Protein backbone atom coordinates (compact mmCIF):
# COMPACT_ATOMS: atom_id res chain seq x y z
CA MET A 1 32.11 38.16 18.89
CA LEU A 2 29.19 35.77 18.63
CA SER A 3 27.37 34.94 21.85
CA GLY A 4 27.32 31.40 23.23
CA LYS A 5 23.63 31.14 22.37
CA VAL A 6 24.26 32.01 18.73
CA LEU A 7 27.20 29.61 18.55
CA ARG A 8 25.09 26.78 19.94
CA LYS A 9 22.32 27.57 17.43
CA ASN A 10 24.81 27.56 14.56
CA GLU A 11 26.25 24.25 15.74
CA ILE A 12 22.77 22.69 15.95
CA THR A 13 21.98 23.94 12.44
CA LYS A 14 25.27 22.56 11.12
CA ARG A 15 24.61 19.14 12.67
CA ALA A 16 21.08 19.11 11.23
CA VAL A 17 22.40 19.92 7.74
CA THR A 18 25.00 17.15 8.03
CA ARG A 19 22.41 14.67 9.29
CA ASN A 20 19.98 15.55 6.49
CA GLY A 21 22.74 15.21 3.94
CA ARG A 22 23.61 11.70 5.16
CA LEU A 23 19.93 10.73 5.18
CA GLN A 24 19.36 12.03 1.66
CA ARG A 25 22.37 10.08 0.38
CA ARG A 26 21.03 6.97 2.08
CA LEU A 27 17.56 7.38 0.58
CA GLU A 28 19.14 8.00 -2.83
CA GLU A 29 21.15 4.80 -2.41
CA LEU A 30 18.02 2.79 -1.58
CA LEU A 31 16.06 4.31 -4.46
CA GLY A 32 18.93 3.47 -6.81
CA ALA A 33 18.55 -0.20 -5.84
CA PHE A 34 14.81 -0.32 -6.65
CA PRO A 35 15.37 -1.57 -10.25
CA ARG A 36 17.13 -4.65 -8.88
CA THR A 37 14.22 -5.69 -6.64
CA LYS A 38 11.86 -8.57 -7.38
CA LEU A 39 8.55 -8.88 -5.56
CA LEU A 40 5.63 -11.30 -5.42
CA VAL A 41 2.23 -9.66 -4.86
CA ILE A 42 -0.61 -11.99 -3.85
CA GLY A 43 -4.13 -10.68 -3.44
CA ASP A 44 -7.48 -9.58 -4.79
CA CYS A 45 -7.36 -8.35 -8.39
CA ILE A 46 -9.78 -5.56 -9.26
CA LEU A 47 -10.59 -3.66 -12.44
CA ASP A 48 -10.96 0.02 -11.57
CA GLU A 49 -13.26 1.99 -13.86
CA PHE A 50 -13.39 5.79 -13.70
CA VAL A 51 -16.31 7.64 -15.24
CA TRP A 52 -15.38 11.31 -15.70
CA GLY A 53 -17.93 14.07 -16.07
CA THR A 54 -19.37 17.38 -14.99
CA VAL A 55 -22.36 18.34 -12.85
CA GLU A 56 -24.54 21.31 -13.77
CA ARG A 57 -27.88 20.46 -12.19
CA ILE A 58 -29.74 18.28 -9.70
CA SER A 59 -32.05 15.57 -11.00
CA PRO A 60 -35.79 16.41 -10.94
CA GLU A 61 -36.42 12.74 -10.08
CA ALA A 62 -34.43 12.67 -6.83
CA PRO A 63 -32.04 14.96 -4.88
CA VAL A 64 -28.95 13.64 -6.69
CA PRO A 65 -26.56 15.29 -9.15
CA VAL A 66 -26.88 14.65 -12.87
CA VAL A 67 -23.43 13.75 -14.22
CA ASN A 68 -22.74 14.59 -17.85
CA VAL A 69 -20.24 11.89 -18.83
CA ILE A 70 -17.29 13.10 -20.90
CA GLY A 71 -15.05 10.03 -20.71
CA GLU A 72 -14.06 6.83 -18.95
CA SER A 73 -10.86 4.98 -18.18
CA PHE A 74 -9.79 1.61 -16.80
CA VAL A 75 -6.74 0.83 -14.66
CA PRO A 76 -5.50 -2.21 -12.68
CA GLY A 77 -6.81 -1.98 -9.12
CA GLY A 78 -6.66 -3.82 -5.81
CA SER A 79 -3.47 -5.86 -5.50
CA LEU A 80 -2.66 -4.93 -9.10
CA ASN A 81 -2.31 -1.28 -8.07
CA VAL A 82 0.45 -2.39 -5.71
CA ALA A 83 2.02 -4.26 -8.63
CA ASN A 84 1.66 -1.20 -10.85
CA ASN A 85 3.38 1.01 -8.25
CA ILE A 86 6.27 -1.43 -8.08
CA ARG A 87 6.54 -1.42 -11.88
CA THR A 88 6.50 2.40 -12.20
CA LEU A 89 9.21 2.58 -9.52
CA GLY A 90 11.39 0.30 -11.63
CA GLY A 91 11.05 -3.04 -9.85
CA MET A 92 10.14 -6.47 -11.21
CA VAL A 93 6.79 -7.71 -9.93
CA TYR A 94 4.94 -11.01 -10.18
CA PRO A 95 1.26 -10.50 -9.27
CA CYS A 96 -0.93 -13.49 -8.46
CA GLY A 97 -4.71 -13.43 -8.19
CA LEU A 98 -8.06 -14.50 -9.61
CA ILE A 99 -9.96 -13.17 -12.62
CA GLY A 100 -13.21 -14.33 -14.19
CA ARG A 101 -13.65 -15.70 -17.69
CA ASP A 102 -15.63 -12.63 -18.69
CA LEU A 103 -15.36 -9.30 -20.48
CA ARG A 104 -14.09 -7.61 -17.32
CA GLY A 105 -11.35 -10.21 -17.00
CA ARG A 106 -10.23 -9.68 -20.58
CA MET A 107 -10.26 -5.94 -20.02
CA LEU A 108 -8.22 -6.31 -16.83
CA LEU A 109 -5.58 -8.36 -18.64
CA LYS A 110 -5.53 -5.71 -21.37
CA THR A 111 -4.87 -2.95 -18.82
CA MET A 112 -2.10 -5.03 -17.25
CA ARG A 113 -0.38 -5.57 -20.60
CA ARG A 114 -0.77 -1.88 -21.42
CA GLU A 115 1.01 -1.01 -18.15
CA GLY A 116 3.70 -3.65 -18.66
CA ILE A 117 2.63 -5.85 -15.72
CA GLU A 118 3.41 -9.57 -15.82
CA THR A 119 0.20 -11.64 -16.30
CA GLY A 120 1.50 -15.18 -15.74
CA GLY A 121 0.09 -15.34 -12.21
CA MET A 122 -3.49 -14.54 -13.19
CA ILE A 123 -5.64 -17.61 -12.47
CA TYR A 124 -9.01 -17.99 -14.17
CA ASP A 125 -12.02 -18.80 -12.00
CA ALA A 126 -14.91 -19.70 -14.28
CA GLN A 127 -17.38 -19.47 -11.37
CA ARG A 128 -16.39 -15.96 -10.24
CA PRO A 129 -16.91 -12.66 -12.09
CA THR A 130 -13.96 -10.28 -12.22
CA THR A 131 -14.34 -7.66 -9.48
CA LEU A 132 -15.18 -4.21 -10.87
CA LYS A 133 -15.15 -0.92 -8.96
CA THR A 134 -16.73 1.98 -10.82
CA ARG A 135 -16.07 5.49 -9.52
CA VAL A 136 -17.95 8.47 -10.93
CA ILE A 137 -15.80 11.62 -10.76
CA ALA A 138 -17.08 15.14 -11.40
CA HIS A 139 -15.12 18.38 -10.83
CA SER A 140 -12.30 16.47 -9.10
CA GLN A 141 -14.74 14.93 -6.60
CA GLN A 142 -15.95 11.34 -6.31
CA VAL A 143 -19.74 11.41 -6.65
CA VAL A 144 -20.49 7.72 -6.12
CA ARG A 145 -18.88 4.28 -6.33
CA PHE A 146 -20.38 1.01 -7.55
CA ASP A 147 -18.85 -2.36 -6.55
CA ARG A 148 -19.63 -5.49 -8.56
CA GLU A 149 -18.07 -8.56 -6.98
CA ASP A 150 -18.34 -12.09 -5.69
CA ALA A 151 -16.37 -12.32 -2.43
CA ARG A 152 -16.74 -16.03 -1.69
CA GLU A 153 -13.61 -17.89 -0.63
CA ILE A 154 -11.25 -19.29 -3.26
CA ASP A 155 -12.16 -22.87 -4.24
CA ARG A 156 -9.80 -25.85 -4.06
CA HIS A 157 -9.14 -26.06 -7.79
CA CYS A 158 -8.06 -22.42 -8.08
CA LEU A 159 -6.19 -22.61 -4.78
CA ARG A 160 -4.06 -25.44 -6.13
CA GLN A 161 -3.16 -23.42 -9.25
CA VAL A 162 -2.33 -20.35 -7.15
CA LEU A 163 -0.08 -22.34 -4.81
CA GLU A 164 1.71 -23.93 -7.78
CA PHE A 165 2.49 -20.49 -9.21
CA ILE A 166 3.66 -19.22 -5.81
CA GLU A 167 5.87 -22.28 -5.29
CA ARG A 168 7.58 -21.63 -8.65
CA THR A 169 7.97 -17.90 -8.07
CA LEU A 170 8.97 -17.59 -4.39
CA PRO A 171 12.65 -18.57 -4.84
CA GLN A 172 13.09 -15.76 -7.41
CA VAL A 173 11.80 -12.85 -5.30
CA ASP A 174 13.10 -10.72 -2.44
CA VAL A 175 9.84 -9.88 -0.63
CA VAL A 176 6.26 -11.19 -0.57
CA VAL A 177 3.34 -8.76 -0.37
CA ILE A 178 -0.15 -9.95 0.64
CA GLU A 179 -2.79 -7.44 -0.46
CA ASP A 180 -6.11 -8.38 1.17
CA TYR A 181 -9.16 -6.54 -0.12
CA GLY A 182 -11.57 -9.09 1.34
CA LYS A 183 -12.74 -10.41 -2.03
CA GLY A 184 -12.04 -14.08 -1.28
CA MET A 185 -8.50 -14.57 -2.56
CA VAL A 186 -6.78 -14.41 0.85
CA SER A 187 -7.79 -17.27 3.13
CA PRO A 188 -6.15 -19.42 5.84
CA GLN A 189 -5.84 -22.25 3.29
CA LEU A 190 -3.76 -19.94 1.10
CA LEU A 191 -1.77 -18.10 3.76
CA ALA A 192 -0.65 -21.07 5.87
CA PRO A 193 1.45 -22.76 3.14
CA VAL A 194 2.65 -19.41 1.73
CA LEU A 195 3.87 -18.20 5.14
CA ARG A 196 5.51 -21.54 5.86
CA ARG A 197 7.35 -21.65 2.53
CA ALA A 198 8.33 -17.96 2.56
CA LYS A 199 9.77 -18.25 6.06
CA ALA A 200 11.72 -21.36 5.05
CA LEU A 201 13.26 -19.34 2.21
CA GLY A 202 13.89 -16.30 4.41
CA LYS A 203 11.55 -14.02 2.48
CA PRO A 204 9.94 -11.11 4.38
CA ILE A 205 6.12 -11.14 4.24
CA LEU A 206 4.26 -7.82 4.25
CA VAL A 207 0.46 -7.65 4.62
CA ASP A 208 -1.97 -4.86 3.81
CA PRO A 209 -4.81 -6.25 5.96
CA LYS A 210 -8.56 -6.48 5.86
CA GLU A 211 -10.04 -6.02 9.32
CA LYS A 212 -12.21 -9.15 9.26
CA ASN A 213 -9.17 -11.34 8.41
CA PHE A 214 -6.63 -10.25 11.04
CA SER A 215 -6.55 -13.70 12.59
CA TYR A 216 -4.97 -15.00 9.36
CA TYR A 217 -1.83 -12.88 9.56
CA ARG A 218 -0.11 -14.07 12.72
CA GLY A 219 3.66 -14.36 12.25
CA VAL A 220 4.07 -12.10 9.20
CA THR A 221 7.00 -9.66 9.02
CA LEU A 222 4.95 -6.46 8.81
CA MET A 223 1.30 -5.34 8.74
CA THR A 224 0.17 -1.93 7.45
CA PRO A 225 -3.33 -1.25 8.86
CA ASN A 226 -4.93 2.16 8.66
CA ARG A 227 -6.42 3.77 11.76
CA HIS A 228 -9.84 2.15 11.33
CA GLU A 229 -8.36 -1.32 10.76
CA ALA A 230 -6.02 -0.96 13.75
CA LEU A 231 -8.93 -0.02 16.01
CA ALA A 232 -10.97 -2.97 14.76
CA ALA A 233 -8.08 -5.40 15.25
CA TYR A 234 -7.53 -4.09 18.77
CA GLY A 235 -11.23 -4.47 19.52
CA ALA A 236 -12.09 -0.81 20.11
CA HIS A 237 -15.25 0.75 18.70
CA PRO A 238 -14.42 4.00 16.84
CA ASP A 239 -17.09 5.92 18.80
CA SER A 240 -16.03 4.65 22.22
CA GLN A 241 -13.19 5.55 24.55
CA PHE A 242 -10.05 3.72 23.51
CA PRO A 243 -6.37 3.74 24.46
CA GLY A 244 -3.86 5.89 22.60
CA MET A 245 -2.44 4.69 19.28
CA THR A 246 0.86 3.80 20.96
CA GLN A 247 -0.85 1.25 23.20
CA ILE A 248 -2.87 -0.10 20.27
CA GLY A 249 0.19 -0.50 18.04
CA ARG A 250 2.18 -2.30 20.71
CA ALA A 251 -0.75 -4.59 21.44
CA LEU A 252 -1.10 -5.53 17.75
CA LEU A 253 2.63 -6.16 17.51
CA LYS A 254 2.45 -8.64 20.39
CA ARG A 255 -0.89 -10.23 19.48
CA PHE A 256 0.06 -11.01 15.88
CA ASP A 257 3.73 -11.80 16.55
CA CYS A 258 5.01 -9.43 13.84
CA GLN A 259 8.43 -7.86 13.54
CA ALA A 260 6.74 -4.52 12.92
CA VAL A 261 3.36 -2.81 12.53
CA LEU A 262 3.00 0.35 10.45
CA ILE A 263 -0.25 2.23 11.17
CA THR A 264 -1.19 4.84 8.58
CA LEU A 265 -3.03 7.83 10.03
CA GLY A 266 -4.03 9.95 7.04
CA GLU A 267 -3.27 13.62 7.58
CA GLU A 268 -1.45 12.71 10.84
CA GLY A 269 1.17 10.64 9.01
CA MET A 270 2.07 7.17 10.27
CA MET A 271 3.46 5.31 13.26
CA LEU A 272 5.94 2.44 13.08
CA PHE A 273 6.07 -0.07 15.94
CA GLU A 274 9.04 -2.44 16.01
CA ARG A 275 9.52 -5.61 18.02
CA LYS A 276 12.63 -4.24 19.71
CA GLY A 277 10.38 -1.68 21.38
CA THR A 278 10.91 1.53 19.44
CA VAL A 279 8.00 3.63 18.20
CA THR A 280 8.59 6.05 15.32
CA GLU A 281 6.08 8.80 14.59
CA ILE A 282 6.38 10.15 11.04
CA PRO A 283 4.42 13.32 10.16
CA THR A 284 2.66 13.45 6.81
CA VAL A 285 4.43 15.09 3.86
CA ALA A 286 1.26 15.59 1.80
CA GLN A 287 0.70 19.23 0.85
CA GLU A 288 -2.54 18.81 -1.10
CA VAL A 289 -4.94 15.87 -0.83
CA TYR A 290 -7.14 15.25 -3.85
CA ASP A 291 -7.86 11.53 -3.51
CA VAL A 292 -6.74 8.87 -1.02
CA SER A 293 -7.76 5.98 -3.34
CA GLY A 294 -4.89 3.51 -3.41
CA ALA A 295 -2.61 5.45 -1.03
CA GLY A 296 -2.22 2.34 1.12
CA ASP A 297 -1.16 0.41 -2.00
CA THR A 298 1.64 2.90 -2.59
CA VAL A 299 2.73 2.70 1.06
CA ILE A 300 3.20 -1.06 1.03
CA ALA A 301 4.73 -1.07 -2.48
CA VAL A 302 7.42 1.47 -1.54
CA PHE A 303 8.02 -0.18 1.85
CA ALA A 304 8.48 -3.60 0.22
CA MET A 305 10.89 -2.26 -2.41
CA ALA A 306 12.89 -0.38 0.22
CA LEU A 307 13.13 -3.49 2.40
CA ALA A 308 14.22 -5.53 -0.63
CA SER A 309 16.90 -2.88 -1.24
CA GLY A 310 18.37 -3.31 2.25
CA ALA A 311 16.52 -0.56 4.14
CA THR A 312 15.83 -0.66 7.85
CA MET A 313 12.18 -0.57 8.91
CA LYS A 314 12.47 3.15 9.73
CA GLU A 315 14.06 3.97 6.38
CA ALA A 316 11.39 1.97 4.54
CA ALA A 317 8.63 3.74 6.49
CA MET A 318 10.09 7.15 5.69
CA LEU A 319 10.28 6.39 1.98
CA SER A 320 6.73 5.02 1.93
CA ASN A 321 5.52 8.18 3.69
CA TYR A 322 7.10 10.33 0.98
CA GLY A 323 5.49 8.09 -1.66
CA ALA A 324 2.04 8.40 -0.11
CA GLY A 325 2.45 12.17 -0.01
CA VAL A 326 2.82 12.15 -3.80
CA VAL A 327 -0.11 9.93 -4.76
CA VAL A 328 -2.74 11.60 -2.54
CA GLY A 329 -2.11 14.71 -4.61
CA LYS A 330 -3.33 12.84 -7.71
CA LEU A 331 -6.87 11.99 -8.71
CA GLY A 332 -7.91 8.35 -9.05
CA THR A 333 -6.01 5.12 -8.39
CA ALA A 334 -2.52 6.57 -8.80
CA THR A 335 1.06 5.40 -9.01
CA LEU A 336 4.34 7.28 -8.72
CA THR A 337 7.70 7.21 -10.43
CA ALA A 338 11.16 7.02 -8.94
CA GLU A 339 11.77 10.63 -10.01
CA GLU A 340 8.63 11.81 -8.18
CA LEU A 341 9.71 9.94 -5.05
CA ARG A 342 13.21 11.42 -5.29
CA GLU A 343 11.84 14.93 -5.69
CA SER A 344 9.52 14.43 -2.71
CA PHE A 345 12.23 13.51 -0.22
CA SER A 346 14.80 15.89 -1.75
CA THR A 347 12.58 18.95 -1.31
CA ARG A 348 10.98 18.04 2.03
CA LEU A 349 13.78 16.33 3.93
CA GLY A 350 14.36 18.16 7.19
CA LYS A 351 10.87 19.66 7.16
CA VAL A 352 9.40 16.32 8.24
CA VAL A 353 11.28 14.98 11.25
CA PRO A 354 10.39 11.51 12.61
CA ARG A 355 10.20 11.21 16.38
CA VAL A 356 11.52 8.00 17.92
CA SER A 357 10.56 6.80 21.39
CA SER A 358 10.82 3.55 23.30
């Protein structure tokens, strides 16, 4: 006969298998609804350039590597990487942002069309160059990055065109994503009418924040700061003594009057703070980390699509965690497919167990 201890262990294992099976079916159900989602993404549009090469020697002119360039590529970056993630996951996305009337702007539109991203919300600003980030990559490592940008605040003429596009588009979408890279697109003059109109229509508003602009976001549905941004918003210096992340998350939730705050913690996973008082700690699922560029874009893209599909905050956070675990294993500004997301949670479900506290 089996001992009581063995019977209890078998019963616990059986319950865990049943629970994991229900959860997998639920995540499959949400993922199956992704193609029916429609999202509006508002934010800073960036052209990401990758210069690929090899390093074999150090320069005789200075202690820096000499990169032998073997190729280059261009992809939509900034808020457009969020849009691209939504597209590759099967959703319909309407991005809105500023581009310059320059070669970079034409190239950015070309990359969007190549990826199948809607371009109707791109507003030309003749006074602003298109933001360009150039990353030099050698032997799977980023050697250096160059940023060419003009981060002054959006002017009244462009603001009017942006708000007109948003007014036309808002009734058609399920969720609004604000992607703030601090390049001038996101301002109080933009956010105030957008938040007011979105709330009137009952549309959730998700924000990937920039630390200097936290005061703009009060009243949104969800914010997704990383550790550094959360510390800055709380007012703690990274090198000083500061409260635990639980206290910081709850403070941000109250200060900015959000329904939830999702703090991404890199290799430590993420923590979800909800207004009803629960705190969910979700361990990372990443097995190999090659590049964290754009991981936050994937997090908010998957979360927004899950929410639009009827997910709870916890379910959306879990799915976004699995999505982030996929893209950090890729080099460069990466996206993921629905099949990659499905494989991630199918193979790792049960190995990563969220912990809920109140």
